[in-house]
Structure formats: C-alpha cells, structure tokens
C-alpha cells in the first residue's frame, strides 16, 4: 500500500493557521524578552559609567580642594562592595584588560583611605568592601594594605564598627586581611587591642 498524505488532509486549515499564529507570537515574545534583557544590561553599564564618571570628578575636586564636603562626596561615590570595587578597579583575566580605573587604582584607593582618615565615621565602607573580598595583585592588594594600615592606627574605631557585623562577615573581613603575597606568621599587635575590645 502506498500512502500519499498531505498535512492539509490530516489537519484542518483553521488549526494550521492557529499554529502559525502561536509560533509567530512565541517568536516575537522571545525576541521581546531578549531585547529587554539587553536594555537592562545597557542600563547597568550606563549606571556604572555614571558612577565612575562621578568618582573621577570627585577625585579631581578633592585633589584641588580637600574640604570635608568634597571628601564625603568622594567616599559616597567610591564602590560600596567588593563586586563594585572589582568592576571599577579590577583586572579582567578573560579579556586580558583592566577595568575603567585599573591603571589609576592606587591613586584612587590611597585617596579613599586619606578621606576616611579625615572622616572616621565612614570607616564602615572600607569594611563593607572587605566582605567576601578576595586578595589579588594590584587594586585588591593596594586596598588590603591600606585597610590593614587603617585598622592598626584606629583599633578602637574598628572595634565599634565590627559590632555591626555578623560573625560570618567578620571572618570574611579578617580572611581578606590575612591573605596576600606575604602570609602573616605572627599576630600583629593591633589585633590584640581589637580582641580585647570585642570579645
């Protein structure tokens, strides 16, 4: 026996037209979702660029006139957490290039800690960046060195701030400080002061 069936013989033309409409609608919906995702990525990129541009402007202002107001703006525009820090100052190994302020990271980080020294109530921001931070060469290393220097000179301020963090967050901060090129073989003296004020 030989069967010569045409799909139109089996499926009603009306059903076939409905199927075409569903396929086209699904395709359009899929493209619409994809473009909205792209729009979100562009919005995130634009927001990051605006934050970086603001940080650059504030850096120039502090360089010209290191008033408390300029320093507070600089601190406010500095990255809030480690992820933002890396997106601003880090190095992308996959692409083989630095993030927007990679080449100037040392100057920006040094300025940040100088501003914190003059505005100690904002020290919490440095600790926030240290949560879940991972040591690496360049910007992360600069930040770690400056953070450790700040902690050693201000143990009582650090004690006050550490009480605002969970045990897990505190461990993360100390882990970041303890890692690096040189593993610490002795306990630094400033840590004993912190231990005594934060049992």
N, C-alpha and C. Protein backbone atom coordinates (compact mmCIF):
# COMPACT_ATOMS: atom_id res chain seq x y z
N UNK A 1 0.83 -1.18 0.00
CA UNK A 1 0.00 0.00 0.00
C UNK A 1 0.87 1.23 0.00
N UNK A 2 0.39 2.22 -0.67
CA UNK A 2 1.13 3.49 -0.73
C UNK A 2 0.24 4.57 -0.18
N UNK A 3 0.83 5.37 0.74
CA UNK A 3 0.06 6.46 1.34
C UNK A 3 0.65 7.78 0.89
N UNK A 4 -0.11 8.58 0.26
CA UNK A 4 0.28 9.94 -0.11
C UNK A 4 -0.59 10.88 0.69
N UNK A 5 -0.11 11.22 1.89
CA UNK A 5 -0.89 12.11 2.73
C UNK A 5 -0.30 13.50 2.72
N UNK A 6 -1.12 14.42 2.55
CA UNK A 6 -0.73 15.82 2.66
C UNK A 6 -1.16 16.26 4.05
N UNK A 7 -0.33 17.08 4.70
CA UNK A 7 -0.67 17.51 6.06
C UNK A 7 -2.02 18.21 6.12
N UNK A 8 -2.38 18.87 5.02
CA UNK A 8 -3.67 19.57 5.00
C UNK A 8 -4.83 18.59 5.02
N UNK A 9 -4.58 17.35 4.54
CA UNK A 9 -5.63 16.34 4.60
C UNK A 9 -5.88 15.91 6.03
N UNK A 10 -4.83 15.91 6.87
CA UNK A 10 -4.95 15.44 8.23
C UNK A 10 -5.36 16.56 9.17
N UNK A 11 -4.80 17.73 9.00
CA UNK A 11 -5.05 18.83 9.91
C UNK A 11 -5.87 19.89 9.20
N UNK A 12 -6.88 20.30 9.82
CA UNK A 12 -7.75 21.35 9.29
C UNK A 12 -6.96 22.63 9.05
N UNK A 13 -7.25 23.34 7.98
CA UNK A 13 -6.55 24.60 7.67
C UNK A 13 -6.68 25.61 8.81
N UNK A 14 -7.79 25.63 9.47
CA UNK A 14 -8.01 26.57 10.57
C UNK A 14 -7.01 26.30 11.71
N UNK A 15 -6.83 25.03 12.03
CA UNK A 15 -5.88 24.66 13.09
C UNK A 15 -4.46 25.02 12.65
N UNK A 16 -4.15 24.80 11.39
CA UNK A 16 -2.83 25.13 10.86
C UNK A 16 -2.56 26.63 10.99
N UNK A 17 -3.52 27.44 10.68
CA UNK A 17 -3.37 28.90 10.80
C UNK A 17 -3.19 29.31 12.26
N UNK A 18 -3.92 28.67 13.17
CA UNK A 18 -3.76 28.97 14.59
C UNK A 18 -2.36 28.60 15.08
N UNK A 19 -1.86 27.48 14.60
CA UNK A 19 -0.50 27.07 14.97
C UNK A 19 0.53 28.09 14.48
N UNK A 20 0.35 28.58 13.28
CA UNK A 20 1.27 29.59 12.74
C UNK A 20 1.25 30.85 13.61
N UNK A 21 0.06 31.25 14.02
CA UNK A 21 -0.07 32.44 14.86
C UNK A 21 0.64 32.24 16.19
N UNK A 22 0.48 31.04 16.80
CA UNK A 22 1.15 30.76 18.08
C UNK A 22 2.67 30.77 17.91
N UNK A 23 3.14 30.19 16.83
CA UNK A 23 4.60 30.16 16.58
C UNK A 23 5.13 31.57 16.41
N UNK A 24 4.44 32.39 15.65
CA UNK A 24 4.87 33.78 15.44
C UNK A 24 4.82 34.56 16.75
N UNK A 25 3.76 34.37 17.53
CA UNK A 25 3.62 35.07 18.82
C UNK A 25 4.75 34.66 19.77
N UNK A 26 5.04 33.35 19.82
CA UNK A 26 6.12 32.87 20.68
C UNK A 26 7.46 33.48 20.24
N UNK A 27 7.70 33.51 18.95
CA UNK A 27 8.94 34.07 18.42
C UNK A 27 9.07 35.55 18.79
N UNK A 28 8.00 36.31 18.63
CA UNK A 28 8.02 37.74 18.97
C UNK A 28 8.22 37.95 20.47
N UNK A 29 7.58 37.11 21.27
CA UNK A 29 7.74 37.21 22.72
C UNK A 29 9.18 36.92 23.11
N UNK A 30 9.77 35.91 22.49
CA UNK A 30 11.16 35.55 22.78
C UNK A 30 12.10 36.70 22.43
N UNK A 31 11.90 37.32 21.29
CA UNK A 31 12.74 38.46 20.88
C UNK A 31 12.53 39.62 21.82
N UNK A 32 11.27 39.87 22.23
CA UNK A 32 10.97 40.97 23.16
C UNK A 32 11.66 40.79 24.49
N UNK A 33 11.68 39.55 25.02
CA UNK A 33 12.36 39.28 26.30
C UNK A 33 13.85 39.50 26.16
N UNK A 34 14.39 39.07 25.05
CA UNK A 34 15.83 39.20 24.85
C UNK A 34 16.23 40.68 24.80
N UNK A 35 15.46 41.51 24.10
CA UNK A 35 15.83 42.92 24.00
C UNK A 35 15.65 43.64 25.34
N UNK A 36 14.67 43.21 26.16
CA UNK A 36 14.54 43.86 27.47
C UNK A 36 15.72 43.49 28.35
N UNK A 37 16.23 42.27 28.22
CA UNK A 37 17.44 41.88 28.95
C UNK A 37 18.63 42.71 28.51
N UNK A 38 18.72 42.95 27.20
CA UNK A 38 19.80 43.79 26.69
C UNK A 38 19.65 45.22 27.20
N UNK A 39 18.41 45.70 27.27
CA UNK A 39 18.19 47.06 27.79
C UNK A 39 18.65 47.16 29.24
N UNK A 40 18.37 46.10 30.04
CA UNK A 40 18.81 46.12 31.44
C UNK A 40 20.33 46.16 31.53
N UNK A 41 21.02 45.38 30.68
CA UNK A 41 22.49 45.39 30.68
C UNK A 41 23.01 46.77 30.32
N UNK A 42 22.39 47.41 29.34
CA UNK A 42 22.81 48.76 28.94
C UNK A 42 22.57 49.73 30.09
N UNK A 43 21.42 49.58 30.79
CA UNK A 43 21.14 50.45 31.93
C UNK A 43 22.17 50.26 33.03
N UNK A 44 22.56 49.01 33.31
CA UNK A 44 23.58 48.75 34.33
C UNK A 44 24.90 49.34 33.91
N UNK A 45 25.28 49.13 32.63
CA UNK A 45 26.53 49.69 32.13
C UNK A 45 26.53 51.21 32.21
N UNK A 46 25.40 51.83 31.85
CA UNK A 46 25.30 53.30 31.92
C UNK A 46 25.40 53.78 33.36
N UNK A 47 24.75 53.08 34.29
CA UNK A 47 24.81 53.46 35.70
C UNK A 47 26.25 53.35 36.21
N UNK A 48 26.93 52.25 35.86
CA UNK A 48 28.33 52.08 36.27
C UNK A 48 29.19 53.18 35.71
N UNK A 49 28.97 53.52 34.45
CA UNK A 49 29.76 54.59 33.81
C UNK A 49 29.50 55.91 34.51
N UNK A 50 28.24 56.19 34.86
CA UNK A 50 27.93 57.44 35.57
C UNK A 50 28.60 57.47 36.94
N UNK A 51 28.58 56.34 37.65
CA UNK A 51 29.23 56.29 38.97
C UNK A 51 30.74 56.51 38.84
N UNK A 52 31.34 55.91 37.83
CA UNK A 52 32.77 56.06 37.62
C UNK A 52 33.11 57.49 37.23
N UNK A 53 32.28 58.09 36.36
CA UNK A 53 32.50 59.49 35.98
C UNK A 53 32.37 60.41 37.20
N UNK A 54 31.40 60.13 38.06
CA UNK A 54 31.23 60.93 39.29
C UNK A 54 32.44 60.77 40.20
N UNK A 55 32.94 59.53 40.31
CA UNK A 55 34.11 59.27 41.15
C UNK A 55 35.32 60.03 40.61
N UNK A 56 35.48 60.04 39.30
CA UNK A 56 36.59 60.79 38.68
C UNK A 56 36.49 62.28 38.99
N UNK A 57 35.28 62.81 38.85
CA UNK A 57 35.05 64.24 39.14
C UNK A 57 35.37 64.55 40.59
N UNK A 58 34.88 63.69 41.48
CA UNK A 58 35.12 63.90 42.91
C UNK A 58 36.60 63.77 43.26
N UNK A 59 37.28 62.88 42.60
CA UNK A 59 38.72 62.72 42.81
C UNK A 59 39.44 64.03 42.46
N UNK A 60 39.07 64.62 41.33
CA UNK A 60 39.68 65.89 40.91
C UNK A 60 39.35 67.00 41.91
N UNK A 61 38.12 67.03 42.40
CA UNK A 61 37.73 68.06 43.39
C UNK A 61 38.55 67.94 44.66
N UNK A 62 38.71 66.71 45.16
CA UNK A 62 39.48 66.52 46.39
C UNK A 62 40.95 66.90 46.16
N UNK A 63 41.46 66.58 44.98
CA UNK A 63 42.84 66.96 44.66
C UNK A 63 43.03 68.47 44.67
N UNK A 64 42.02 69.19 44.20
CA UNK A 64 42.11 70.66 44.15
C UNK A 64 41.85 71.28 45.52
N UNK A 65 40.86 70.72 46.21
CA UNK A 65 40.47 71.29 47.50
C UNK A 65 39.91 70.17 48.38
N UNK A 66 40.71 69.75 49.35
CA UNK A 66 40.28 68.61 50.18
C UNK A 66 39.41 69.03 51.36
N UNK A 67 38.30 69.67 51.02
CA UNK A 67 37.34 70.05 52.06
C UNK A 67 36.58 68.82 52.51
N UNK A 68 36.02 68.89 53.69
CA UNK A 68 35.23 67.76 54.22
C UNK A 68 34.10 67.39 53.25
N UNK A 69 33.47 68.41 52.68
CA UNK A 69 32.35 68.18 51.77
C UNK A 69 32.81 67.39 50.54
N UNK A 70 33.92 67.79 49.94
CA UNK A 70 34.46 67.08 48.77
C UNK A 70 34.86 65.66 49.13
N UNK A 71 35.45 65.50 50.30
CA UNK A 71 35.86 64.16 50.74
C UNK A 71 34.65 63.25 50.96
N UNK A 72 33.59 63.79 51.54
CA UNK A 72 32.38 63.00 51.77
C UNK A 72 31.75 62.55 50.45
N UNK A 73 31.78 63.43 49.45
CA UNK A 73 31.24 63.07 48.13
C UNK A 73 32.09 61.97 47.50
N UNK A 74 33.39 62.09 47.66
CA UNK A 74 34.29 61.07 47.11
C UNK A 74 34.02 59.71 47.76
N UNK A 75 33.91 59.71 49.08
CA UNK A 75 33.61 58.47 49.81
C UNK A 75 32.27 57.90 49.35
N UNK A 76 31.28 58.76 49.18
CA UNK A 76 29.94 58.31 48.77
C UNK A 76 29.97 57.66 47.39
N UNK A 77 30.80 58.17 46.48
CA UNK A 77 30.84 57.63 45.12
C UNK A 77 31.82 56.47 44.96
N UNK A 78 32.61 56.20 46.00
CA UNK A 78 33.52 55.07 45.95
C UNK A 78 32.69 53.79 45.98
N UNK A 79 33.14 52.71 45.35
CA UNK A 79 32.34 51.46 45.35
C UNK A 79 31.89 51.06 46.75
N UNK A 80 30.69 50.46 46.81
CA UNK A 80 30.09 50.08 48.09
C UNK A 80 30.45 48.68 48.55
N UNK A 81 30.80 47.81 47.62
CA UNK A 81 31.12 46.43 47.99
C UNK A 81 32.23 45.90 47.08
N UNK A 82 32.65 44.69 47.32
CA UNK A 82 33.78 44.14 46.59
C UNK A 82 33.48 43.96 45.10
N UNK A 83 32.26 43.59 44.79
CA UNK A 83 31.88 43.41 43.39
C UNK A 83 32.01 44.73 42.62
N UNK A 84 31.49 45.82 43.19
CA UNK A 84 31.62 47.13 42.55
C UNK A 84 33.08 47.56 42.49
N UNK A 85 33.81 47.25 43.55
CA UNK A 85 35.24 47.59 43.59
C UNK A 85 35.96 46.94 42.41
N UNK A 86 35.71 45.66 42.18
CA UNK A 86 36.36 44.96 41.08
C UNK A 86 35.92 45.51 39.73
N UNK A 87 34.65 45.87 39.61
CA UNK A 87 34.16 46.41 38.33
C UNK A 87 34.77 47.78 38.03
N UNK A 88 35.26 48.45 39.05
CA UNK A 88 35.85 49.77 38.88
C UNK A 88 37.37 49.69 38.73
N UNK A 89 38.02 48.91 39.59
CA UNK A 89 39.49 48.91 39.67
C UNK A 89 40.15 47.59 39.28
N UNK A 90 39.38 46.54 39.11
CA UNK A 90 39.95 45.21 38.92
C UNK A 90 40.53 44.98 37.54
N UNK A 91 40.95 43.75 37.33
CA UNK A 91 41.52 43.32 36.06
C UNK A 91 40.74 42.11 35.59
N UNK A 92 40.31 42.13 34.33
CA UNK A 92 39.55 41.03 33.76
C UNK A 92 40.51 40.07 33.05
N UNK A 93 40.79 38.94 33.70
CA UNK A 93 41.73 37.96 33.13
C UNK A 93 41.23 37.38 31.81
N UNK A 94 39.92 37.18 31.71
CA UNK A 94 39.36 36.60 30.48
C UNK A 94 39.56 37.52 29.28
N UNK A 95 39.33 38.83 29.49
CA UNK A 95 39.50 39.78 28.40
C UNK A 95 40.94 40.28 28.28
N UNK A 96 41.71 40.05 29.32
CA UNK A 96 43.10 40.50 29.30
C UNK A 96 43.26 42.00 29.37
N UNK A 97 42.33 42.65 30.11
CA UNK A 97 42.45 44.10 30.25
C UNK A 97 41.85 44.56 31.58
N UNK A 98 42.28 45.74 31.98
CA UNK A 98 41.82 46.30 33.25
C UNK A 98 40.45 46.95 33.13
N UNK A 99 39.80 47.08 34.27
CA UNK A 99 38.51 47.78 34.34
C UNK A 99 38.77 49.29 34.21
N UNK A 100 37.72 50.11 34.18
CA UNK A 100 37.89 51.54 33.85
C UNK A 100 38.98 52.30 34.61
N UNK A 101 39.14 52.05 35.91
CA UNK A 101 40.13 52.81 36.68
C UNK A 101 41.29 51.92 37.15
N UNK A 102 41.52 50.83 36.44
CA UNK A 102 42.58 49.90 36.81
C UNK A 102 43.94 50.61 36.90
N UNK A 103 44.29 51.36 35.88
CA UNK A 103 45.61 51.99 35.84
C UNK A 103 45.80 53.06 36.92
N UNK A 104 44.70 53.64 37.38
CA UNK A 104 44.78 54.69 38.40
C UNK A 104 44.36 54.18 39.78
N UNK A 105 44.18 52.88 39.90
CA UNK A 105 43.59 52.32 41.13
C UNK A 105 44.36 52.72 42.39
N UNK A 106 45.67 52.70 42.34
CA UNK A 106 46.45 53.03 43.54
C UNK A 106 46.12 54.44 44.03
N UNK A 107 46.07 55.40 43.11
CA UNK A 107 45.79 56.79 43.50
C UNK A 107 44.38 56.93 44.08
N UNK A 108 43.41 56.27 43.47
CA UNK A 108 42.03 56.37 43.94
C UNK A 108 41.87 55.70 45.31
N UNK A 109 42.52 54.56 45.50
CA UNK A 109 42.43 53.85 46.78
C UNK A 109 43.13 54.64 47.87
N UNK A 110 44.29 55.16 47.57
CA UNK A 110 45.03 55.97 48.55
C UNK A 110 44.19 57.19 48.96
N UNK A 111 43.56 57.83 47.98
CA UNK A 111 42.70 58.99 48.26
C UNK A 111 41.52 58.56 49.15
N UNK A 112 40.93 57.40 48.87
CA UNK A 112 39.81 56.90 49.65
C UNK A 112 40.20 56.77 51.12
N UNK A 113 41.33 56.15 51.39
CA UNK A 113 41.75 55.95 52.78
C UNK A 113 42.19 57.27 53.43
N UNK A 114 42.71 58.18 52.63
CA UNK A 114 43.03 59.51 53.18
C UNK A 114 41.75 60.22 53.60
N UNK A 115 40.72 60.12 52.78
CA UNK A 115 39.43 60.73 53.12
C UNK A 115 38.82 60.07 54.36
N UNK A 116 38.98 58.75 54.48
CA UNK A 116 38.46 58.05 55.66
C UNK A 116 39.18 58.50 56.93
N UNK A 117 40.47 58.73 56.80
CA UNK A 117 41.26 59.18 57.95
C UNK A 117 40.70 60.51 58.48
N UNK A 118 40.27 61.36 57.58
CA UNK A 118 39.71 62.66 57.96
C UNK A 118 38.23 62.58 58.31
N UNK A 119 37.58 61.49 57.97
CA UNK A 119 36.14 61.31 58.22
C UNK A 119 35.92 59.90 58.78
N UNK A 120 36.39 59.64 60.01
CA UNK A 120 36.40 58.27 60.53
C UNK A 120 35.03 57.61 60.66
N UNK A 121 33.96 58.39 60.68
CA UNK A 121 32.65 57.74 60.81
C UNK A 121 32.27 56.96 59.55
N UNK A 122 33.03 57.13 58.47
CA UNK A 122 32.76 56.40 57.23
C UNK A 122 33.63 55.15 57.08
N UNK A 123 34.37 54.78 58.11
CA UNK A 123 35.26 53.62 58.05
C UNK A 123 34.48 52.35 57.69
N UNK A 124 33.24 52.30 58.06
CA UNK A 124 32.40 51.13 57.77
C UNK A 124 32.44 50.77 56.28
N UNK A 125 32.54 51.77 55.42
CA UNK A 125 32.52 51.50 53.98
C UNK A 125 33.72 50.63 53.58
N UNK A 126 34.88 50.89 54.15
CA UNK A 126 36.07 50.08 53.86
C UNK A 126 35.85 48.64 54.31
N UNK A 127 35.21 48.47 55.46
CA UNK A 127 34.93 47.11 55.95
C UNK A 127 33.89 46.42 55.06
N UNK A 128 32.90 47.18 54.60
CA UNK A 128 31.89 46.62 53.70
C UNK A 128 32.53 46.07 52.42
N UNK A 129 33.48 46.79 51.88
CA UNK A 129 34.16 46.35 50.66
C UNK A 129 34.94 45.06 50.93
N UNK A 130 35.40 44.89 52.16
CA UNK A 130 36.22 43.72 52.52
C UNK A 130 35.42 42.44 52.68
N UNK A 131 34.12 42.55 52.83
CA UNK A 131 33.29 41.36 52.99
C UNK A 131 33.27 40.58 51.67
N UNK A 132 33.60 39.31 51.75
CA UNK A 132 33.68 38.42 50.58
C UNK A 132 34.74 38.85 49.57
N UNK A 133 35.67 39.69 50.00
CA UNK A 133 36.74 40.13 49.10
C UNK A 133 37.77 39.02 48.94
N UNK A 134 38.39 39.00 47.80
CA UNK A 134 39.43 38.03 47.52
C UNK A 134 40.70 38.79 47.15
N UNK A 135 41.78 38.40 47.82
CA UNK A 135 43.05 39.07 47.54
C UNK A 135 43.51 38.76 46.13
N UNK A 136 44.06 39.74 45.49
CA UNK A 136 44.68 39.59 44.18
C UNK A 136 45.74 40.68 44.08
N UNK A 137 46.58 40.60 43.08
CA UNK A 137 47.59 41.63 42.90
C UNK A 137 46.90 42.93 42.48
N UNK A 138 47.61 43.99 42.48
CA UNK A 138 47.17 45.31 42.04
C UNK A 138 46.13 45.91 42.98
N UNK A 139 44.96 46.26 42.48
CA UNK A 139 43.99 47.05 43.27
C UNK A 139 43.60 46.37 44.58
N UNK A 140 43.33 45.08 44.54
CA UNK A 140 42.93 44.37 45.75
C UNK A 140 44.06 44.39 46.78
N UNK A 141 45.28 44.25 46.31
CA UNK A 141 46.45 44.31 47.18
C UNK A 141 46.61 45.70 47.79
N UNK A 142 46.48 46.75 46.97
CA UNK A 142 46.58 48.12 47.48
C UNK A 142 45.54 48.36 48.56
N UNK A 143 44.31 47.91 48.27
CA UNK A 143 43.21 48.11 49.21
C UNK A 143 43.51 47.39 50.52
N UNK A 144 43.95 46.14 50.43
CA UNK A 144 44.25 45.35 51.63
C UNK A 144 45.32 46.04 52.49
N UNK A 145 46.38 46.51 51.85
CA UNK A 145 47.47 47.17 52.59
C UNK A 145 46.97 48.43 53.30
N UNK A 146 46.20 49.22 52.59
CA UNK A 146 45.66 50.46 53.19
C UNK A 146 44.68 50.14 54.32
N UNK A 147 43.87 49.11 54.13
CA UNK A 147 42.91 48.71 55.16
C UNK A 147 43.64 48.25 56.42
N UNK A 148 44.64 47.43 56.26
CA UNK A 148 45.39 46.95 57.42
C UNK A 148 46.08 48.12 58.13
N UNK A 149 46.62 49.04 57.37
CA UNK A 149 47.25 50.23 57.95
C UNK A 149 46.22 51.05 58.75
N UNK A 150 45.03 51.23 58.18
CA UNK A 150 43.97 51.98 58.85
C UNK A 150 43.55 51.27 60.16
N UNK A 151 43.41 49.96 60.10
CA UNK A 151 43.00 49.20 61.28
C UNK A 151 44.05 49.29 62.38
N UNK A 152 45.32 49.20 62.00
CA UNK A 152 46.39 49.24 63.00
C UNK A 152 46.46 50.60 63.70
N UNK A 153 46.05 51.66 63.01
CA UNK A 153 46.11 53.00 63.60
C UNK A 153 44.82 53.41 64.31
N UNK A 154 43.74 52.69 64.06
CA UNK A 154 42.44 53.04 64.65
C UNK A 154 41.74 51.84 65.26
N UNK A 155 42.38 51.08 66.13
CA UNK A 155 41.73 49.86 66.63
C UNK A 155 40.43 50.12 67.36
N UNK A 156 40.33 51.23 68.09
CA UNK A 156 39.08 51.47 68.82
C UNK A 156 37.92 51.77 67.87
N UNK A 157 38.18 52.50 66.78
CA UNK A 157 37.12 52.76 65.80
C UNK A 157 36.68 51.47 65.11
N UNK A 158 37.65 50.62 64.83
CA UNK A 158 37.33 49.35 64.19
C UNK A 158 36.49 48.49 65.12
N UNK A 159 36.82 48.50 66.41
CA UNK A 159 36.04 47.73 67.39
C UNK A 159 34.58 48.14 67.36
N UNK A 160 34.35 49.44 67.35
CA UNK A 160 32.96 49.93 67.31
C UNK A 160 32.25 49.42 66.07
N UNK A 161 32.93 49.46 64.93
CA UNK A 161 32.31 49.06 63.67
C UNK A 161 32.07 47.55 63.59
N UNK A 162 33.01 46.77 64.09
CA UNK A 162 32.89 45.32 63.97
C UNK A 162 31.63 44.78 64.66
N UNK A 163 31.17 45.48 65.68
CA UNK A 163 29.95 45.04 66.37
C UNK A 163 28.72 45.09 65.47
N UNK A 164 28.82 45.81 64.33
CA UNK A 164 27.70 45.90 63.39
C UNK A 164 27.65 44.74 62.40
N UNK A 165 28.62 43.85 62.48
CA UNK A 165 28.71 42.75 61.51
C UNK A 165 28.47 41.41 62.18
N UNK A 166 27.94 40.48 61.40
CA UNK A 166 27.75 39.11 61.90
C UNK A 166 29.12 38.44 62.04
N UNK A 167 29.15 37.31 62.75
CA UNK A 167 30.40 36.55 62.89
C UNK A 167 30.95 36.16 61.52
N UNK A 168 30.05 35.74 60.64
CA UNK A 168 30.47 35.32 59.29
C UNK A 168 31.10 36.49 58.52
N UNK A 169 30.50 37.67 58.62
CA UNK A 169 31.06 38.84 57.94
C UNK A 169 32.42 39.22 58.53
N UNK A 170 32.53 39.15 59.85
CA UNK A 170 33.81 39.45 60.49
C UNK A 170 34.89 38.48 60.03
N UNK A 171 34.56 37.20 59.94
CA UNK A 171 35.53 36.21 59.47
C UNK A 171 35.97 36.54 58.04
N UNK A 172 35.02 36.96 57.23
CA UNK A 172 35.33 37.31 55.84
C UNK A 172 36.29 38.49 55.77
N UNK A 173 36.06 39.49 56.60
CA UNK A 173 36.93 40.68 56.65
C UNK A 173 38.34 40.26 57.05
N UNK A 174 38.45 39.46 58.12
CA UNK A 174 39.77 39.04 58.60
C UNK A 174 40.46 38.12 57.61
N UNK A 175 39.69 37.31 56.93
CA UNK A 175 40.28 36.43 55.91
C UNK A 175 40.93 37.26 54.80
N UNK A 176 40.24 38.30 54.37
CA UNK A 176 40.79 39.18 53.33
C UNK A 176 42.08 39.84 53.82
N UNK A 177 42.07 40.31 55.05
CA UNK A 177 43.25 40.99 55.60
C UNK A 177 44.43 40.02 55.74
N UNK A 178 44.15 38.78 56.11
CA UNK A 178 45.22 37.81 56.38
C UNK A 178 45.84 37.23 55.12
N UNK A 179 45.14 37.27 54.00
CA UNK A 179 45.68 36.71 52.75
C UNK A 179 46.55 37.73 52.04
N UNK A 180 47.34 37.24 51.12
CA UNK A 180 48.16 38.15 50.35
C UNK A 180 49.47 37.53 49.94
N UNK A 181 50.35 38.37 49.44
CA UNK A 181 51.66 37.91 49.00
C UNK A 181 52.42 37.31 50.16
N UNK A 182 52.45 38.06 51.27
CA UNK A 182 53.15 37.58 52.47
C UNK A 182 52.11 37.06 53.45
N UNK A 183 52.13 35.78 53.70
CA UNK A 183 51.26 35.23 54.73
C UNK A 183 51.80 35.70 56.08
N UNK A 184 50.90 36.06 56.94
CA UNK A 184 51.31 36.56 58.26
C UNK A 184 51.71 35.39 59.14
N UNK A 185 52.92 35.44 59.65
CA UNK A 185 53.41 34.36 60.51
C UNK A 185 53.27 34.70 61.98
N UNK A 186 53.15 35.99 62.28
CA UNK A 186 52.94 36.43 63.66
C UNK A 186 51.67 37.26 63.71
N UNK A 187 51.06 37.25 64.87
CA UNK A 187 49.84 38.05 65.05
C UNK A 187 50.27 39.50 65.29
N UNK A 188 49.79 40.41 64.43
CA UNK A 188 50.14 41.82 64.63
C UNK A 188 49.60 42.34 65.97
N UNK A 189 50.34 43.24 66.60
CA UNK A 189 49.98 43.76 67.93
C UNK A 189 48.61 44.45 67.95
N UNK A 190 48.26 45.14 66.88
CA UNK A 190 46.98 45.86 66.87
C UNK A 190 45.80 44.90 67.02
N UNK A 191 45.96 43.64 66.60
CA UNK A 191 44.87 42.68 66.73
C UNK A 191 44.56 42.34 68.19
N UNK A 192 45.56 42.40 69.05
CA UNK A 192 45.30 42.15 70.47
C UNK A 192 44.42 43.24 71.06
N UNK A 193 44.62 44.48 70.62
CA UNK A 193 43.76 45.58 71.09
C UNK A 193 42.32 45.36 70.64
N UNK A 194 42.16 44.92 69.40
CA UNK A 194 40.82 44.68 68.88
C UNK A 194 40.18 43.50 69.61
N UNK A 195 40.94 42.44 69.83
CA UNK A 195 40.41 41.28 70.55
C UNK A 195 39.93 41.67 71.94
N UNK A 196 40.66 42.53 72.62
CA UNK A 196 40.29 42.93 73.97
C UNK A 196 39.02 43.79 74.00
N UNK A 197 38.78 44.54 72.96
CA UNK A 197 37.57 45.39 72.98
C UNK A 197 36.38 44.71 72.37
N UNK A 198 36.59 43.58 71.67
CA UNK A 198 35.49 42.88 71.01
C UNK A 198 35.58 41.39 71.31
N UNK A 199 35.22 41.01 72.55
CA UNK A 199 35.39 39.61 72.96
C UNK A 199 34.51 38.65 72.16
